Amino acid sequence: MIQRILAPIDGSEQTEAILPYLEELARRLSSSIVLLLVYPPCFAVTKEPPFPVR
């Protein structure tokens, strides 16, 4: 059985749009979700993320 689902997110509208589906999948599988925040390489070395962090 799947225990954890790894979901890379980048703060874009596309990744936010999949979150409800991901939650439903995790609920049906009785799994937990691990979100991995990814940055484009050019932003990985700066102090500010390329999008607002909530």
PDB file of N, CA and C in Angstrom:
ATOM      1  N   MET A   1       0.836  -1.181   0.000  1.00  0.00           N
ATOM      2  CA  MET A   1       0.000   0.000   0.000  1.00  0.00           C
ATOM      3  C   MET A   1       0.886   1.252   0.000  1.00  0.00           C
ATOM      4  N   ILE A   2       0.397   2.285  -0.599  1.00  0.00           N
ATOM      5  CA  ILE A   2       1.122   3.552  -0.663  1.00  0.00           C
ATOM      6  C   ILE A   2       0.930   4.288   0.657  1.00  0.00           C
ATOM      7  N   GLN A   3       2.035   4.580   1.347  1.00  0.00           N
ATOM      8  CA  GLN A   3       1.952   5.258   2.639  1.00  0.00           C
ATOM      9  C   GLN A   3       2.090   6.766   2.507  1.00  0.00           C
ATOM     10  N   ARG A   4       2.947   7.207   1.582  1.00  0.00           N
ATOM     11  CA  ARG A   4       3.184   8.638   1.393  1.00  0.00           C
ATOM     12  C   ARG A   4       3.175   8.970  -0.091  1.00  0.00           C
ATOM     13  N   ILE A   5       2.677  10.159  -0.394  1.00  0.00           N
ATOM     14  CA  ILE A   5       2.691  10.665  -1.762  1.00  0.00           C
ATOM     15  C   ILE A   5       3.574  11.903  -1.766  1.00  0.00           C
ATOM     16  N   LEU A   6       4.632  11.881  -2.562  1.00  0.00           N
ATOM     17  CA  LEU A   6       5.529  13.025  -2.685  1.00  0.00           C
ATOM     18  C   LEU A   6       5.032  13.902  -3.827  1.00  0.00           C
ATOM     19  N   ALA A   7       4.767  15.173  -3.522  1.00  0.00           N
ATOM     20  CA  ALA A   7       4.246  16.096  -4.523  1.00  0.00           C
ATOM     21  C   ALA A   7       5.156  17.315  -4.616  1.00  0.00           C
ATOM     22  N   PRO A   8       5.924  17.427  -5.691  1.00  0.00           N
ATOM     23  CA  PRO A   8       6.736  18.629  -5.862  1.00  0.00           C
ATOM     24  C   PRO A   8       5.845  19.803  -6.261  1.00  0.00           C
ATOM     25  N   ILE A   9       6.005  20.925  -5.585  1.00  0.00           N
ATOM     26  CA  ILE A   9       5.220  22.120  -5.894  1.00  0.00           C
ATOM     27  C   ILE A   9       6.168  23.289  -6.110  1.00  0.00           C
ATOM     28  N   ASP A  10       5.724  24.244  -6.935  1.00  0.00           N
ATOM     29  CA  ASP A  10       6.577  25.400  -7.215  1.00  0.00           C
ATOM     30  C   ASP A  10       5.854  26.723  -6.987  1.00  0.00           C
ATOM     31  N   GLY A  11       4.664  26.661  -6.410  1.00  0.00           N
ATOM     32  CA  GLY A  11       3.921  27.881  -6.135  1.00  0.00           C
ATOM     33  C   GLY A  11       3.104  28.400  -7.301  1.00  0.00           C
ATOM     34  N   SER A  12       3.137  27.683  -8.416  1.00  0.00           N
ATOM     35  CA  SER A  12       2.389  28.130  -9.587  1.00  0.00           C
ATOM     36  C   SER A  12       0.908  27.775  -9.444  1.00  0.00           C
ATOM     37  N   GLU A  13       0.094  28.399 -10.275  1.00  0.00           N
ATOM     38  CA  GLU A  13      -1.340  28.101 -10.266  1.00  0.00           C
ATOM     39  C   GLU A  13      -1.601  26.650 -10.655  1.00  0.00           C
ATOM     40  N   GLN A  14      -0.771  26.099 -11.529  1.00  0.00           N
ATOM     41  CA  GLN A  14      -0.952  24.715 -11.962  1.00  0.00           C
ATOM     42  C   GLN A  14      -0.776  23.744 -10.795  1.00  0.00           C
ATOM     43  N   THR A  15       0.239  23.970  -9.981  1.00  0.00           N
ATOM     44  CA  THR A  15       0.437  23.048  -8.862  1.00  0.00           C
ATOM     45  C   THR A  15      -0.632  23.249  -7.795  1.00  0.00           C
ATOM     46  N   GLU A  16      -1.079  24.477  -7.604  1.00  0.00           N
ATOM     47  CA  GLU A  16      -2.161  24.702  -6.648  1.00  0.00           C
ATOM     48  C   GLU A  16      -3.450  24.037  -7.118  1.00  0.00           C
ATOM     49  N   ALA A  17      -3.653  23.971  -8.423  1.00  0.00           N
ATOM     50  CA  ALA A  17      -4.873  23.382  -8.975  1.00  0.00           C
ATOM     51  C   ALA A  17      -4.951  21.876  -8.731  1.00  0.00           C
ATOM     52  N   ILE A  18      -3.815  21.208  -8.587  1.00  0.00           N
ATOM     53  CA  ILE A  18      -3.859  19.754  -8.383  1.00  0.00           C
ATOM     54  C   ILE A  18      -4.041  19.367  -6.921  1.00  0.00           C
ATOM     55  N   LEU A  19      -3.882  20.312  -6.005  1.00  0.00           N
ATOM     56  CA  LEU A  19      -3.931  19.972  -4.584  1.00  0.00           C
ATOM     57  C   LEU A  19      -5.246  19.316  -4.147  1.00  0.00           C
ATOM     58  N   PRO A  20      -6.417  19.784  -4.586  1.00  0.00           N
ATOM     59  CA  PRO A  20      -7.650  19.087  -4.187  1.00  0.00           C
ATOM     60  C   PRO A  20      -7.685  17.633  -4.668  1.00  0.00           C
ATOM     61  N   TYR A  21      -7.175  17.376  -5.868  1.00  0.00           N
ATOM     62  CA  TYR A  21      -7.139  16.005  -6.387  1.00  0.00           C
ATOM     63  C   TYR A  21      -6.152  15.155  -5.596  1.00  0.00           C
ATOM     64  N   LEU A  22      -5.046  15.762  -5.242  1.00  0.00           N
ATOM     65  CA  LEU A  22      -4.043  15.071  -4.445  1.00  0.00           C
ATOM     66  C   LEU A  22      -4.593  14.717  -3.066  1.00  0.00           C
ATOM     67  N   GLU A  23      -5.319  15.651  -2.467  1.00  0.00           N
ATOM     68  CA  GLU A  23      -5.934  15.384  -1.162  1.00  0.00           C
ATOM     69  C   GLU A  23      -6.934  14.231  -1.242  1.00  0.00           C
ATOM     70  N   GLU A  24      -7.734  14.219  -2.291  1.00  0.00           N
ATOM     71  CA  GLU A  24      -8.715  13.144  -2.461  1.00  0.00           C
ATOM     72  C   GLU A  24      -8.022  11.800  -2.660  1.00  0.00           C
ATOM     73  N   LEU A  25      -6.976  11.779  -3.468  1.00  0.00           N
ATOM     74  CA  LEU A  25      -6.222  10.548  -3.688  1.00  0.00           C
ATOM     75  C   LEU A  25      -5.629  10.038  -2.376  1.00  0.00           C
ATOM     76  N   ALA A  26      -5.033  10.931  -1.615  1.00  0.00           N
ATOM     77  CA  ALA A  26      -4.434  10.540  -0.335  1.00  0.00           C
ATOM     78  C   ALA A  26      -5.501  10.021   0.623  1.00  0.00           C
ATOM     79  N   ARG A  27      -6.654  10.654   0.627  1.00  0.00           N
ATOM     80  CA  ARG A  27      -7.739  10.204   1.505  1.00  0.00           C
ATOM     81  C   ARG A  27      -8.186   8.794   1.123  1.00  0.00           C
ATOM     82  N   ARG A  28      -8.363   8.564  -0.170  1.00  0.00           N
ATOM     83  CA  ARG A  28      -8.816   7.241  -0.627  1.00  0.00           C
ATOM     84  C   ARG A  28      -7.793   6.147  -0.356  1.00  0.00           C
ATOM     85  N   LEU A  29      -6.525   6.503  -0.388  1.00  0.00           N
ATOM     86  CA  LEU A  29      -5.465   5.522  -0.155  1.00  0.00           C
ATOM     87  C   LEU A  29      -5.019   5.467   1.302  1.00  0.00           C
ATOM     88  N   SER A  30      -5.620   6.309   2.144  1.00  0.00           N
ATOM     89  CA  SER A  30      -5.193   6.437   3.545  1.00  0.00           C
ATOM     90  C   SER A  30      -3.698   6.728   3.619  1.00  0.00           C
ATOM     91  N   SER A  31      -3.264   7.637   2.768  1.00  0.00           N
ATOM     92  CA  SER A  31      -1.854   8.009   2.674  1.00  0.00           C
ATOM     93  C   SER A  31      -1.657   9.430   3.176  1.00  0.00           C
ATOM     94  N   SER A  32      -0.416   9.752   3.466  1.00  0.00           N
ATOM     95  CA  SER A  32      -0.083  11.134   3.806  1.00  0.00           C
ATOM     96  C   SER A  32       0.561  11.791   2.591  1.00  0.00           C
ATOM     97  N   ILE A  33       0.555  13.114   2.600  1.00  0.00           N
ATOM     98  CA  ILE A  33       1.130  13.885   1.501  1.00  0.00           C
ATOM     99  C   ILE A  33       2.376  14.595   2.014  1.00  0.00           C
ATOM    100  N   VAL A  34       3.450  14.489   1.258  1.00  0.00           N
ATOM    101  CA  VAL A  34       4.675  15.227   1.546  1.00  0.00           C
ATOM    102  C   VAL A  34       4.862  16.219   0.408  1.00  0.00           C
ATOM    103  N   LEU A  35       4.805  17.508   0.733  1.00  0.00           N
ATOM    104  CA  LEU A  35       4.993  18.542  -0.283  1.00  0.00           C
ATOM    105  C   LEU A  35       6.464  18.929  -0.332  1.00  0.00           C
ATOM    106  N   LEU A  36       7.013  18.942  -1.521  1.00  0.00           N
ATOM    107  CA  LEU A  36       8.405  19.323  -1.734  1.00  0.00           C
ATOM    108  C   LEU A  36       8.414  20.618  -2.528  1.00  0.00           C
ATOM    109  N   LEU A  37       8.824  21.696  -1.884  1.00  0.00           N
ATOM    110  CA  LEU A  37       8.878  22.993  -2.547  1.00  0.00           C
ATOM    111  C   LEU A  37      10.134  23.057  -3.400  1.00  0.00           C
ATOM    112  N   VAL A  38       9.946  23.250  -4.693  1.00  0.00           N
ATOM    113  CA  VAL A  38      11.078  23.298  -5.621  1.00  0.00           C
ATOM    114  C   VAL A  38      11.213  24.702  -6.191  1.00  0.00           C
ATOM    115  N   TYR A  39      12.442  25.100  -6.426  1.00  0.00           N
ATOM    116  CA  TYR A  39      12.756  26.395  -7.015  1.00  0.00           C
ATOM    117  C   TYR A  39      13.465  26.180  -8.338  1.00  0.00           C
ATOM    118  N   PRO A  40      13.260  27.076  -9.286  1.00  0.00           N
ATOM    119  CA  PRO A  40      14.087  27.022 -10.492  1.00  0.00           C
ATOM    120  C   PRO A  40      15.549  27.253 -10.092  1.00  0.00           C
ATOM    121  N   PRO A  41      16.496  26.663 -10.793  1.00  0.00           N
ATOM    122  CA  PRO A  41      17.907  26.793 -10.400  1.00  0.00           C
ATOM    123  C   PRO A  41      18.379  28.234 -10.226  1.00  0.00           C
ATOM    124  N   CYS A  42      17.898  29.157 -11.034  1.00  0.00           N
ATOM    125  CA  CYS A  42      18.377  30.535 -10.930  1.00  0.00           C
ATOM    126  C   CYS A  42      17.911  31.212  -9.644  1.00  0.00           C
ATOM    127  N   PHE A  43      16.855  30.718  -9.007  1.00  0.00           N
ATOM    128  CA  PHE A  43      16.364  31.301  -7.764  1.00  0.00           C
ATOM    129  C   PHE A  43      16.842  30.549  -6.531  1.00  0.00           C
ATOM    130  N   ALA A  44      17.445  29.409  -6.731  1.00  0.00           N
ATOM    131  CA  ALA A  44      17.840  28.581  -5.599  1.00  0.00           C
ATOM    132  C   ALA A  44      18.924  29.235  -4.750  1.00  0.00           C
ATOM    133  N   VAL A  45      19.677  30.164  -5.299  1.00  0.00           N
ATOM    134  CA  VAL A  45      20.769  30.775  -4.548  1.00  0.00           C
ATOM    135  C   VAL A  45      20.435  32.180  -4.047  1.00  0.00           C
ATOM    136  N   THR A  46      19.226  32.659  -4.305  1.00  0.00           N
ATOM    137  CA  THR A  46      18.842  33.982  -3.823  1.00  0.00           C
ATOM    138  C   THR A  46      18.134  33.851  -2.480  1.00  0.00           C
ATOM    139  N   LYS A  47      17.970  34.957  -1.810  1.00  0.00           N
ATOM    140  CA  LYS A  47      17.311  34.940  -0.507  1.00  0.00           C
ATOM    141  C   LYS A  47      15.796  35.015  -0.620  1.00  0.00           C
ATOM    142  N   GLU A  48      15.286  35.503  -1.721  1.00  0.00           N
ATOM    143  CA  GLU A  48      13.853  35.675  -1.896  1.00  0.00           C
ATOM    144  C   GLU A  48      13.294  34.625  -2.851  1.00  0.00           C
ATOM    145  N   PRO A  49      12.174  33.984  -2.499  1.00  0.00           N
ATOM    146  CA  PRO A  49      11.553  33.038  -3.426  1.00  0.00           C
ATOM    147  C   PRO A  49      10.938  33.782  -4.607  1.00  0.00           C
ATOM    148  N   PRO A  50      10.741  33.096  -5.732  1.00  0.00           N
ATOM    149  CA  PRO A  50      10.202  33.755  -6.927  1.00  0.00           C
ATOM    150  C   PRO A  50       8.704  34.013  -6.854  1.00  0.00           C
ATOM    151  N   PHE A  51       8.063  33.654  -5.743  1.00  0.00           N
ATOM    152  CA  PHE A  51       6.631  33.861  -5.568  1.00  0.00           C
ATOM    153  C   PHE A  51       6.368  34.137  -4.092  1.00  0.00           C
ATOM    154  N   PRO A  52       5.241  34.742  -3.755  1.00  0.00           N
ATOM    155  CA  PRO A  52       4.953  35.026  -2.349  1.00  0.00           C
ATOM    156  C   PRO A  52       4.725  33.739  -1.558  1.00  0.00           C
ATOM    157  N   VAL A  53       5.329  33.629  -0.413  1.00  0.00           N
ATOM    158  CA  VAL A  53       5.155  32.469   0.455  1.00  0.00           C
ATOM    159  C   VAL A  53       4.034  32.774   1.431  1.00  0.00           C
ATOM    160  N   ARG A  54       3.084  31.851   1.521  1.00  0.00           N
ATOM    161  CA  ARG A  54       1.939  32.055   2.421  1.00  0.00           C
ATOM    162  C   ARG A  54       2.142  31.335   3.712  1.00  0.00           C
TER     163      ARG A  54
END
